[in-house]
Amino acid sequence: MSEEHGNLIKSPKQLVVMVFASFFVPLIIIAFLMVYVGSGKKTGADAEAAAEAANQLIKPVALLDFKDASGPKVFKTGEEIYKQACASCHASGAAGAPKFGDAGGWSARLGRGYDGLMSSLVKGKGAMPARGGTSPSDISDYELGRAVVYLAASAGGKFAEPKAPEVKAEAKAEAK
C-alpha cells in the first residue's frame, strides 16, 4: 500500500493551526475587503445626494395623523388637502384630470364657478370619485372647498375662501 492518500494533519498542534486558519483567515480577508470598498471618496454633493436617496428609500410609506377627538377641530389649508388627496391625479393629469396650474385645462371648469366645482367634487365626475376619494370623517366639506379655491387659484381663478363652519357651543366652552 502506498502512503499517497494519508492524513495531512499528523499532530494536535497541526489540528489547532488548521482550525485557527480556517476560521480567522476568511474573517481577515472580509475585513480587508470592507476597508477597501469603504475607502472610496465620498465628498460634496454626491455624498449628500446618496444620503438623501437612502432616506427616501427608507422613509415610511404613509404617516399617521392622530387626532384628539375631544379637542377642537383644526382645519387644514387648501394646499395641505391638495397634497393629501388631490395631487395624485392633478399633479400628473392622470385619467384626464386637469393639471395643477394649467389654465387651459381649467378654463371651462372655472366658468362653472365655485359652486359648480364643489358639486362636481362632492358628487364625483368622470374618473374622479365622490369627494375625491376621501371620507367626510377625514376631510370636511369646508376643507374640500379650500382645496377647490387653491386649485382654481393655481390656474388663474379668483374664488373667495369659503366661510369656516361654526364651532359648537360645547367646544367653545371646553376651549376656554
N, C-alpha and C. Protein backbone atom coordinates (compact mmCIF):
# COMPACT_ATOMS: atom_id res chain seq x y z
N MET A 1 0.84 -1.17 0.00
CA MET A 1 0.00 0.00 0.00
C MET A 1 0.88 1.23 0.00
N SER A 2 0.43 2.19 -0.70
CA SER A 2 1.22 3.41 -0.75
C SER A 2 0.67 4.43 0.23
N GLU A 3 1.48 5.39 0.58
CA GLU A 3 1.12 6.44 1.54
C GLU A 3 0.64 7.71 0.83
N GLU A 4 0.23 7.62 -0.41
CA GLU A 4 -0.19 8.79 -1.16
C GLU A 4 -1.38 9.51 -0.55
N HIS A 5 -2.32 8.78 -0.09
CA HIS A 5 -3.56 9.38 0.40
C HIS A 5 -3.64 9.33 1.91
N GLY A 6 -2.59 9.67 2.57
CA GLY A 6 -2.57 9.66 4.03
C GLY A 6 -3.14 10.95 4.60
N ASN A 7 -3.23 11.06 5.91
CA ASN A 7 -3.75 12.25 6.58
C ASN A 7 -2.78 13.41 6.46
N LEU A 8 -3.32 14.61 6.22
CA LEU A 8 -2.49 15.81 6.17
C LEU A 8 -2.14 16.27 7.58
N ILE A 9 -3.04 16.10 8.51
CA ILE A 9 -2.82 16.55 9.88
C ILE A 9 -2.32 15.35 10.69
N LYS A 10 -1.11 15.49 11.18
CA LYS A 10 -0.49 14.36 11.86
C LYS A 10 -0.33 14.57 13.35
N SER A 11 -0.56 15.82 13.83
CA SER A 11 -0.39 16.08 15.27
C SER A 11 -1.48 17.04 15.75
N PRO A 12 -1.74 17.08 17.07
CA PRO A 12 -2.73 18.03 17.60
C PRO A 12 -2.36 19.48 17.34
N LYS A 13 -1.08 19.77 17.29
CA LYS A 13 -0.64 21.15 17.02
C LYS A 13 -1.05 21.56 15.60
N GLN A 14 -0.92 20.68 14.63
CA GLN A 14 -1.33 20.97 13.27
C GLN A 14 -2.86 21.14 13.19
N LEU A 15 -3.58 20.37 13.96
CA LEU A 15 -5.04 20.48 14.01
C LEU A 15 -5.47 21.86 14.50
N VAL A 16 -4.86 22.35 15.58
CA VAL A 16 -5.19 23.66 16.13
C VAL A 16 -4.87 24.75 15.12
N VAL A 17 -3.74 24.66 14.45
CA VAL A 17 -3.35 25.65 13.45
C VAL A 17 -4.36 25.65 12.29
N MET A 18 -4.79 24.50 11.83
CA MET A 18 -5.75 24.43 10.72
C MET A 18 -7.13 24.99 11.11
N VAL A 19 -7.58 24.69 12.31
CA VAL A 19 -8.87 25.23 12.77
C VAL A 19 -8.78 26.75 12.86
N PHE A 20 -7.69 27.24 13.43
CA PHE A 20 -7.50 28.69 13.54
C PHE A 20 -7.47 29.33 12.16
N ALA A 21 -6.72 28.77 11.23
CA ALA A 21 -6.58 29.34 9.90
C ALA A 21 -7.92 29.29 9.15
N SER A 22 -8.64 28.20 9.25
CA SER A 22 -9.88 28.08 8.50
C SER A 22 -10.98 29.01 9.03
N PHE A 23 -10.86 29.46 10.26
CA PHE A 23 -11.86 30.36 10.82
C PHE A 23 -11.45 31.83 10.67
N PHE A 24 -10.21 32.16 11.03
CA PHE A 24 -9.82 33.57 11.08
C PHE A 24 -9.31 34.13 9.76
N VAL A 25 -8.73 33.34 8.89
CA VAL A 25 -8.24 33.86 7.62
C VAL A 25 -9.40 34.42 6.77
N PRO A 26 -10.54 33.74 6.61
CA PRO A 26 -11.64 34.35 5.85
C PRO A 26 -12.17 35.64 6.51
N LEU A 27 -12.20 35.67 7.84
CA LEU A 27 -12.65 36.90 8.52
C LEU A 27 -11.71 38.06 8.23
N ILE A 28 -10.43 37.81 8.23
CA ILE A 28 -9.45 38.87 7.94
C ILE A 28 -9.59 39.34 6.50
N ILE A 29 -9.81 38.41 5.57
CA ILE A 29 -9.98 38.79 4.17
C ILE A 29 -11.24 39.65 4.00
N ILE A 30 -12.32 39.27 4.65
CA ILE A 30 -13.57 40.05 4.58
C ILE A 30 -13.36 41.44 5.17
N ALA A 31 -12.66 41.55 6.27
CA ALA A 31 -12.39 42.85 6.89
C ALA A 31 -11.59 43.73 5.95
N PHE A 32 -10.56 43.18 5.30
CA PHE A 32 -9.78 43.97 4.35
C PHE A 32 -10.63 44.41 3.16
N LEU A 33 -11.51 43.55 2.68
CA LEU A 33 -12.39 43.93 1.57
C LEU A 33 -13.35 45.05 1.98
N MET A 34 -13.85 45.01 3.20
CA MET A 34 -14.75 46.08 3.68
C MET A 34 -14.02 47.40 3.76
N VAL A 35 -12.79 47.38 4.22
CA VAL A 35 -12.00 48.61 4.30
C VAL A 35 -11.72 49.13 2.90
N TYR A 36 -11.40 48.24 1.97
CA TYR A 36 -11.10 48.65 0.60
C TYR A 36 -12.33 49.28 -0.07
N VAL A 37 -13.48 48.65 0.06
CA VAL A 37 -14.71 49.17 -0.56
C VAL A 37 -15.14 50.47 0.11
N GLY A 38 -15.01 50.55 1.40
CA GLY A 38 -15.45 51.73 2.14
C GLY A 38 -14.49 52.90 2.05
N SER A 39 -13.33 52.70 1.46
CA SER A 39 -12.34 53.78 1.43
C SER A 39 -12.55 54.74 0.27
N GLY A 40 -13.54 54.51 -0.57
CA GLY A 40 -13.81 55.42 -1.68
C GLY A 40 -14.16 56.80 -1.16
N LYS A 41 -13.78 57.83 -1.95
CA LYS A 41 -14.03 59.21 -1.51
C LYS A 41 -15.50 59.54 -1.66
N LYS A 42 -16.07 60.07 -0.59
CA LYS A 42 -17.47 60.50 -0.59
C LYS A 42 -17.50 61.94 -0.13
N THR A 43 -17.42 62.85 -1.05
CA THR A 43 -17.39 64.26 -0.69
C THR A 43 -18.42 65.02 -1.51
N GLY A 44 -18.73 66.19 -1.04
CA GLY A 44 -19.56 67.12 -1.77
C GLY A 44 -21.00 66.66 -1.95
N ALA A 45 -21.56 67.06 -3.09
CA ALA A 45 -22.97 66.82 -3.36
C ALA A 45 -23.28 65.34 -3.55
N ASP A 46 -22.29 64.56 -4.01
CA ASP A 46 -22.55 63.14 -4.22
C ASP A 46 -22.89 62.45 -2.91
N ALA A 47 -22.15 62.77 -1.85
CA ALA A 47 -22.42 62.15 -0.55
C ALA A 47 -23.79 62.59 -0.03
N GLU A 48 -24.11 63.88 -0.20
CA GLU A 48 -25.40 64.38 0.25
C GLU A 48 -26.54 63.77 -0.57
N ALA A 49 -26.33 63.63 -1.87
CA ALA A 49 -27.35 63.04 -2.73
C ALA A 49 -27.56 61.57 -2.37
N ALA A 50 -26.46 60.88 -2.06
CA ALA A 50 -26.57 59.47 -1.68
C ALA A 50 -27.32 59.33 -0.36
N ALA A 51 -27.03 60.23 0.58
CA ALA A 51 -27.72 60.18 1.86
C ALA A 51 -29.20 60.49 1.69
N GLU A 52 -29.53 61.46 0.85
CA GLU A 52 -30.92 61.81 0.60
C GLU A 52 -31.65 60.66 -0.09
N ALA A 53 -30.99 60.01 -1.04
CA ALA A 53 -31.59 58.87 -1.73
C ALA A 53 -31.86 57.73 -0.75
N ALA A 54 -30.93 57.50 0.15
CA ALA A 54 -31.12 56.46 1.16
C ALA A 54 -32.29 56.80 2.07
N ASN A 55 -32.41 58.07 2.46
CA ASN A 55 -33.53 58.49 3.30
C ASN A 55 -34.86 58.33 2.58
N GLN A 56 -34.89 58.61 1.29
CA GLN A 56 -36.13 58.44 0.52
C GLN A 56 -36.52 56.97 0.43
N LEU A 57 -35.53 56.09 0.35
CA LEU A 57 -35.82 54.67 0.24
C LEU A 57 -36.36 54.08 1.54
N ILE A 58 -35.93 54.62 2.68
CA ILE A 58 -36.33 54.02 3.94
C ILE A 58 -37.43 54.79 4.66
N LYS A 59 -37.92 55.88 4.06
CA LYS A 59 -38.98 56.63 4.72
C LYS A 59 -40.27 55.82 4.73
N PRO A 60 -41.14 56.10 5.68
CA PRO A 60 -42.40 55.35 5.73
C PRO A 60 -43.27 55.67 4.52
N VAL A 61 -44.09 54.70 4.14
CA VAL A 61 -44.98 54.88 3.00
C VAL A 61 -46.08 55.88 3.34
N ALA A 62 -46.56 55.84 4.55
CA ALA A 62 -47.63 56.75 4.97
C ALA A 62 -47.34 57.22 6.39
N LEU A 63 -47.88 58.35 6.70
CA LEU A 63 -47.75 58.88 8.05
C LEU A 63 -49.12 58.89 8.70
N LEU A 64 -49.18 58.50 9.94
CA LEU A 64 -50.44 58.50 10.66
C LEU A 64 -50.67 59.88 11.26
N ASP A 65 -51.89 60.34 11.14
CA ASP A 65 -52.26 61.65 11.67
C ASP A 65 -53.26 61.42 12.80
N PHE A 66 -52.76 61.30 14.01
CA PHE A 66 -53.63 61.06 15.16
C PHE A 66 -54.31 62.36 15.57
N LYS A 67 -55.60 62.26 15.86
CA LYS A 67 -56.37 63.44 16.23
C LYS A 67 -56.97 63.21 17.61
N ASP A 68 -57.04 64.28 18.36
CA ASP A 68 -57.70 64.22 19.66
C ASP A 68 -59.18 64.46 19.42
N ALA A 69 -59.98 63.44 19.62
CA ALA A 69 -61.41 63.54 19.33
C ALA A 69 -62.11 64.56 20.22
N SER A 70 -61.58 64.78 21.41
CA SER A 70 -62.22 65.73 22.31
C SER A 70 -61.73 67.16 22.08
N GLY A 71 -60.66 67.33 21.32
CA GLY A 71 -60.10 68.66 21.08
C GLY A 71 -60.84 69.38 19.97
N PRO A 72 -60.56 70.66 19.80
CA PRO A 72 -61.21 71.41 18.74
C PRO A 72 -60.69 70.96 17.38
N LYS A 73 -61.54 71.04 16.38
CA LYS A 73 -61.18 70.66 15.01
C LYS A 73 -60.20 71.67 14.44
N VAL A 74 -59.08 71.21 13.95
CA VAL A 74 -58.10 72.06 13.30
C VAL A 74 -58.22 71.80 11.80
N PHE A 75 -58.61 72.81 11.05
CA PHE A 75 -58.84 72.65 9.62
C PHE A 75 -57.52 72.79 8.87
N LYS A 76 -57.37 71.96 7.84
CA LYS A 76 -56.18 72.01 7.00
C LYS A 76 -56.37 73.06 5.92
N THR A 77 -55.25 73.56 5.40
CA THR A 77 -55.30 74.55 4.33
C THR A 77 -55.62 73.85 3.02
N GLY A 78 -55.94 74.64 2.03
CA GLY A 78 -56.21 74.10 0.70
C GLY A 78 -55.00 73.38 0.13
N GLU A 79 -53.82 73.93 0.37
CA GLU A 79 -52.59 73.31 -0.12
C GLU A 79 -52.36 71.95 0.54
N GLU A 80 -52.61 71.84 1.83
CA GLU A 80 -52.45 70.57 2.53
C GLU A 80 -53.41 69.52 2.00
N ILE A 81 -54.66 69.92 1.77
CA ILE A 81 -55.64 68.99 1.24
C ILE A 81 -55.27 68.58 -0.17
N TYR A 82 -54.80 69.54 -0.98
CA TYR A 82 -54.36 69.23 -2.34
C TYR A 82 -53.25 68.17 -2.30
N LYS A 83 -52.25 68.37 -1.46
CA LYS A 83 -51.14 67.42 -1.38
C LYS A 83 -51.59 66.06 -0.85
N GLN A 84 -52.56 66.06 0.06
CA GLN A 84 -53.02 64.82 0.68
C GLN A 84 -53.93 64.03 -0.26
N ALA A 85 -54.85 64.69 -0.92
CA ALA A 85 -55.89 63.95 -1.65
C ALA A 85 -55.93 64.20 -3.15
N CYS A 86 -55.52 65.36 -3.60
CA CYS A 86 -55.75 65.75 -4.99
C CYS A 86 -54.52 65.57 -5.89
N ALA A 87 -53.33 65.71 -5.32
CA ALA A 87 -52.11 65.74 -6.12
C ALA A 87 -51.86 64.44 -6.87
N SER A 88 -52.35 63.32 -6.35
CA SER A 88 -52.10 62.04 -7.01
C SER A 88 -52.61 62.05 -8.45
N CYS A 89 -53.67 62.77 -8.74
CA CYS A 89 -54.18 62.84 -10.11
C CYS A 89 -53.90 64.19 -10.76
N HIS A 90 -54.11 65.28 -10.02
CA HIS A 90 -54.00 66.61 -10.62
C HIS A 90 -52.56 67.06 -10.84
N ALA A 91 -51.58 66.46 -10.21
CA ALA A 91 -50.19 66.83 -10.46
C ALA A 91 -49.71 66.27 -11.80
N SER A 92 -50.20 65.07 -12.15
CA SER A 92 -49.74 64.43 -13.39
C SER A 92 -50.77 64.48 -14.51
N GLY A 93 -52.00 64.79 -14.18
CA GLY A 93 -53.06 64.79 -15.18
C GLY A 93 -53.61 63.39 -15.44
N ALA A 94 -53.49 62.52 -14.46
CA ALA A 94 -53.95 61.14 -14.61
C ALA A 94 -55.45 61.08 -14.86
N ALA A 95 -55.87 60.16 -15.71
CA ALA A 95 -57.28 59.90 -16.02
C ALA A 95 -58.01 61.15 -16.50
N GLY A 96 -57.30 62.04 -17.18
CA GLY A 96 -57.92 63.23 -17.74
C GLY A 96 -58.13 64.36 -16.76
N ALA A 97 -57.56 64.27 -15.58
CA ALA A 97 -57.71 65.34 -14.59
C ALA A 97 -56.92 66.56 -15.05
N PRO A 98 -57.50 67.76 -14.93
CA PRO A 98 -56.73 68.95 -15.31
C PRO A 98 -55.55 69.14 -14.37
N LYS A 99 -54.39 69.44 -14.94
CA LYS A 99 -53.17 69.57 -14.15
C LYS A 99 -53.18 70.83 -13.31
N PHE A 100 -52.49 70.76 -12.20
CA PHE A 100 -52.32 71.90 -11.30
C PHE A 100 -51.62 73.02 -12.07
N GLY A 101 -52.22 74.19 -12.08
CA GLY A 101 -51.61 75.35 -12.72
C GLY A 101 -51.84 75.46 -14.22
N ASP A 102 -52.55 74.52 -14.83
CA ASP A 102 -52.79 74.53 -16.28
C ASP A 102 -54.06 75.34 -16.56
N ALA A 103 -53.87 76.60 -16.93
CA ALA A 103 -55.01 77.49 -17.15
C ALA A 103 -55.91 76.98 -18.27
N GLY A 104 -55.34 76.39 -19.31
CA GLY A 104 -56.14 75.88 -20.42
C GLY A 104 -57.03 74.72 -20.00
N GLY A 105 -56.51 73.85 -19.18
CA GLY A 105 -57.28 72.70 -18.71
C GLY A 105 -58.38 73.07 -17.75
N TRP A 106 -58.18 74.16 -17.04
CA TRP A 106 -59.16 74.57 -16.03
C TRP A 106 -60.16 75.62 -16.54
N SER A 107 -59.92 76.23 -17.69
CA SER A 107 -60.73 77.37 -18.13
C SER A 107 -62.22 77.04 -18.20
N ALA A 108 -62.59 75.92 -18.81
CA ALA A 108 -64.02 75.57 -18.91
C ALA A 108 -64.59 75.26 -17.54
N ARG A 109 -63.81 74.64 -16.69
CA ARG A 109 -64.30 74.28 -15.36
C ARG A 109 -64.46 75.52 -14.48
N LEU A 110 -63.54 76.47 -14.62
CA LEU A 110 -63.64 77.69 -13.82
C LEU A 110 -64.88 78.50 -14.20
N GLY A 111 -65.33 78.35 -15.44
CA GLY A 111 -66.54 79.05 -15.89
C GLY A 111 -67.79 78.57 -15.15
N ARG A 112 -67.75 77.37 -14.59
CA ARG A 112 -68.90 76.85 -13.83
C ARG A 112 -68.98 77.48 -12.46
N GLY A 113 -67.94 78.14 -12.02
CA GLY A 113 -67.95 78.80 -10.72
C GLY A 113 -67.61 77.87 -9.58
N TYR A 114 -67.48 78.46 -8.40
CA TYR A 114 -67.11 77.70 -7.20
C TYR A 114 -68.14 76.62 -6.88
N ASP A 115 -69.43 76.99 -6.93
CA ASP A 115 -70.48 76.03 -6.59
C ASP A 115 -70.51 74.85 -7.57
N GLY A 116 -70.27 75.11 -8.84
CA GLY A 116 -70.24 74.04 -9.83
C GLY A 116 -69.07 73.10 -9.59
N LEU A 117 -67.91 73.66 -9.27
CA LEU A 117 -66.74 72.82 -8.98
C LEU A 117 -66.96 72.00 -7.71
N MET A 118 -67.54 72.62 -6.70
CA MET A 118 -67.81 71.89 -5.45
C MET A 118 -68.81 70.76 -5.69
N SER A 119 -69.83 71.01 -6.50
CA SER A 119 -70.81 69.99 -6.81
C SER A 119 -70.14 68.80 -7.52
N SER A 120 -69.28 69.09 -8.49
CA SER A 120 -68.56 68.02 -9.19
C SER A 120 -67.66 67.25 -8.24
N LEU A 121 -67.05 67.95 -7.31
CA LEU A 121 -66.16 67.31 -6.36
C LEU A 121 -66.93 66.42 -5.39
N VAL A 122 -68.02 66.93 -4.85
CA VAL A 122 -68.79 66.17 -3.86
C VAL A 122 -69.47 64.96 -4.50
N LYS A 123 -70.01 65.10 -5.71
CA LYS A 123 -70.71 64.00 -6.37
C LYS A 123 -69.77 63.09 -7.17
N GLY A 124 -68.64 63.64 -7.57
CA GLY A 124 -67.72 62.90 -8.43
C GLY A 124 -68.01 63.22 -9.88
N LYS A 125 -66.98 63.15 -10.72
CA LYS A 125 -67.16 63.46 -12.13
C LYS A 125 -66.10 62.71 -12.93
N GLY A 126 -66.54 62.03 -13.98
CA GLY A 126 -65.60 61.28 -14.81
C GLY A 126 -64.91 60.20 -13.97
N ALA A 127 -63.60 60.18 -14.01
CA ALA A 127 -62.83 59.17 -13.26
C ALA A 127 -62.64 59.57 -11.80
N MET A 128 -62.99 60.82 -11.45
CA MET A 128 -62.81 61.27 -10.06
C MET A 128 -63.96 60.74 -9.21
N PRO A 129 -63.62 60.01 -8.13
CA PRO A 129 -64.69 59.52 -7.26
C PRO A 129 -65.29 60.65 -6.44
N ALA A 130 -66.44 60.39 -5.83
CA ALA A 130 -67.09 61.39 -4.98
C ALA A 130 -66.12 61.82 -3.88
N ARG A 131 -66.11 63.11 -3.61
CA ARG A 131 -65.26 63.73 -2.58
C ARG A 131 -63.78 63.49 -2.86
N GLY A 132 -63.42 63.22 -4.12
CA GLY A 132 -62.04 62.98 -4.46
C GLY A 132 -61.48 61.72 -3.82
N GLY A 133 -62.38 60.82 -3.43
CA GLY A 133 -61.95 59.57 -2.81
C GLY A 133 -61.70 59.68 -1.31
N THR A 134 -62.10 60.77 -0.71
CA THR A 134 -61.87 60.95 0.73
C THR A 134 -63.16 60.67 1.51
N SER A 135 -63.01 60.57 2.79
CA SER A 135 -64.14 60.30 3.67
C SER A 135 -64.55 61.60 4.37
N PRO A 136 -65.86 61.82 4.58
CA PRO A 136 -66.29 63.03 5.29
C PRO A 136 -65.75 63.10 6.72
N SER A 137 -65.43 61.96 7.31
CA SER A 137 -64.89 61.99 8.67
C SER A 137 -63.43 62.43 8.67
N ASP A 138 -62.75 62.30 7.54
CA ASP A 138 -61.35 62.71 7.46
C ASP A 138 -61.19 64.14 6.95
N ILE A 139 -61.93 64.49 5.91
CA ILE A 139 -61.82 65.81 5.28
C ILE A 139 -63.22 66.40 5.15
N SER A 140 -63.42 67.55 5.78
CA SER A 140 -64.74 68.18 5.76
C SER A 140 -65.00 68.88 4.43
N ASP A 141 -66.27 69.25 4.21
CA ASP A 141 -66.63 70.00 3.01
C ASP A 141 -65.91 71.34 2.98
N TYR A 142 -65.74 71.95 4.14
CA TYR A 142 -65.02 73.22 4.22
C TYR A 142 -63.59 73.05 3.71
N GLU A 143 -62.92 71.99 4.13
CA GLU A 143 -61.54 71.75 3.69
C GLU A 143 -61.49 71.44 2.20
N LEU A 144 -62.49 70.69 1.70
CA LEU A 144 -62.56 70.45 0.26
C LEU A 144 -62.75 71.75 -0.51
N GLY A 145 -63.56 72.64 0.05
CA GLY A 145 -63.75 73.94 -0.58
C GLY A 145 -62.46 74.74 -0.63
N ARG A 146 -61.68 74.66 0.43
CA ARG A 146 -60.38 75.35 0.44
C ARG A 146 -59.45 74.76 -0.64
N ALA A 147 -59.53 73.44 -0.85
CA ALA A 147 -58.72 72.81 -1.89
C ALA A 147 -59.17 73.26 -3.28
N VAL A 148 -60.50 73.41 -3.47
CA VAL A 148 -61.02 73.90 -4.75
C VAL A 148 -60.49 75.31 -5.01
N VAL A 149 -60.52 76.17 -4.01
CA VAL A 149 -60.02 77.54 -4.17
C VAL A 149 -58.54 77.52 -4.50
N TYR A 150 -57.78 76.65 -3.83
CA TYR A 150 -56.34 76.55 -4.07
C TYR A 150 -56.05 76.09 -5.50
N LEU A 151 -56.75 75.04 -5.95
CA LEU A 151 -56.56 74.54 -7.31
C LEU A 151 -56.97 75.59 -8.35
N ALA A 152 -58.10 76.24 -8.11
CA ALA A 152 -58.57 77.26 -9.05
C ALA A 152 -57.59 78.44 -9.12
N ALA A 153 -57.07 78.83 -7.99
CA ALA A 153 -56.11 79.94 -7.96
C ALA A 153 -54.84 79.60 -8.73
N SER A 154 -54.46 78.34 -8.74
CA SER A 154 -53.26 77.94 -9.48
C SER A 154 -53.44 78.13 -10.98
N ALA A 155 -54.68 78.08 -11.44
CA ALA A 155 -54.97 78.22 -12.86
C ALA A 155 -55.54 79.59 -13.20
N GLY A 156 -55.49 80.52 -12.29
CA GLY A 156 -55.95 81.88 -12.55
C GLY A 156 -57.34 82.19 -12.06
N GLY A 157 -57.99 81.26 -11.40
CA GLY A 157 -59.33 81.50 -10.86
C GLY A 157 -59.25 82.39 -9.63
N LYS A 158 -60.31 83.14 -9.39
CA LYS A 158 -60.32 84.07 -8.26
C LYS A 158 -61.57 83.83 -7.42
N PHE A 159 -61.61 82.69 -6.74
CA PHE A 159 -62.73 82.38 -5.87
C PHE A 159 -62.41 82.83 -4.46
N ALA A 160 -63.47 83.23 -3.75
CA ALA A 160 -63.30 83.64 -2.35
C ALA A 160 -63.16 82.39 -1.48
N GLU A 161 -62.36 82.51 -0.45
CA GLU A 161 -62.18 81.40 0.52
C GLU A 161 -63.54 81.12 1.18
N PRO A 162 -63.94 79.86 1.30
CA PRO A 162 -65.23 79.55 1.93
C PRO A 162 -65.23 79.94 3.41
N LYS A 163 -66.42 80.18 3.92
CA LYS A 163 -66.55 80.53 5.34
C LYS A 163 -66.30 79.31 6.20
N ALA A 164 -65.60 79.54 7.30
CA ALA A 164 -65.33 78.46 8.24
C ALA A 164 -66.63 78.07 8.93
N PRO A 165 -66.84 76.79 9.17
CA PRO A 165 -68.06 76.37 9.87
C PRO A 165 -68.05 76.85 11.31
N GLU A 166 -69.25 77.01 11.85
CA GLU A 166 -69.39 77.46 13.23
C GLU A 166 -68.91 76.38 14.19
N VAL A 167 -68.19 76.80 15.21
CA VAL A 167 -67.74 75.87 16.24
C VAL A 167 -68.88 75.69 17.21
N LYS A 168 -69.15 74.46 17.62
CA LYS A 168 -70.25 74.18 18.53
C LYS A 168 -70.01 74.87 19.87
N ALA A 169 -71.09 75.22 20.54
CA ALA A 169 -71.01 75.91 21.83
C ALA A 169 -70.24 75.07 22.86
N GLU A 170 -70.42 73.75 22.80
CA GLU A 170 -69.70 72.88 23.75
C GLU A 170 -68.21 72.99 23.55
N ALA A 171 -67.77 73.01 22.30
CA ALA A 171 -66.34 73.09 22.01
C ALA A 171 -65.77 74.43 22.45
N LYS A 172 -66.58 75.51 22.30
CA LYS A 172 -66.11 76.83 22.74
C LYS A 172 -65.92 76.85 24.25
N ALA A 173 -66.86 76.25 24.98
CA ALA A 173 -66.77 76.22 26.43
C ALA A 173 -65.56 75.41 26.88
N GLU A 174 -65.30 74.29 26.21
CA GLU A 174 -64.16 73.45 26.57
C GLU A 174 -62.84 74.14 26.24
N ALA A 175 -62.82 74.93 25.18
CA ALA A 175 -61.60 75.62 24.78
C ALA A 175 -61.21 76.68 25.78
N LYS A 176 -62.19 77.25 26.49
CA LYS A 176 -61.92 78.30 27.46
C LYS A 176 -61.48 77.69 28.71
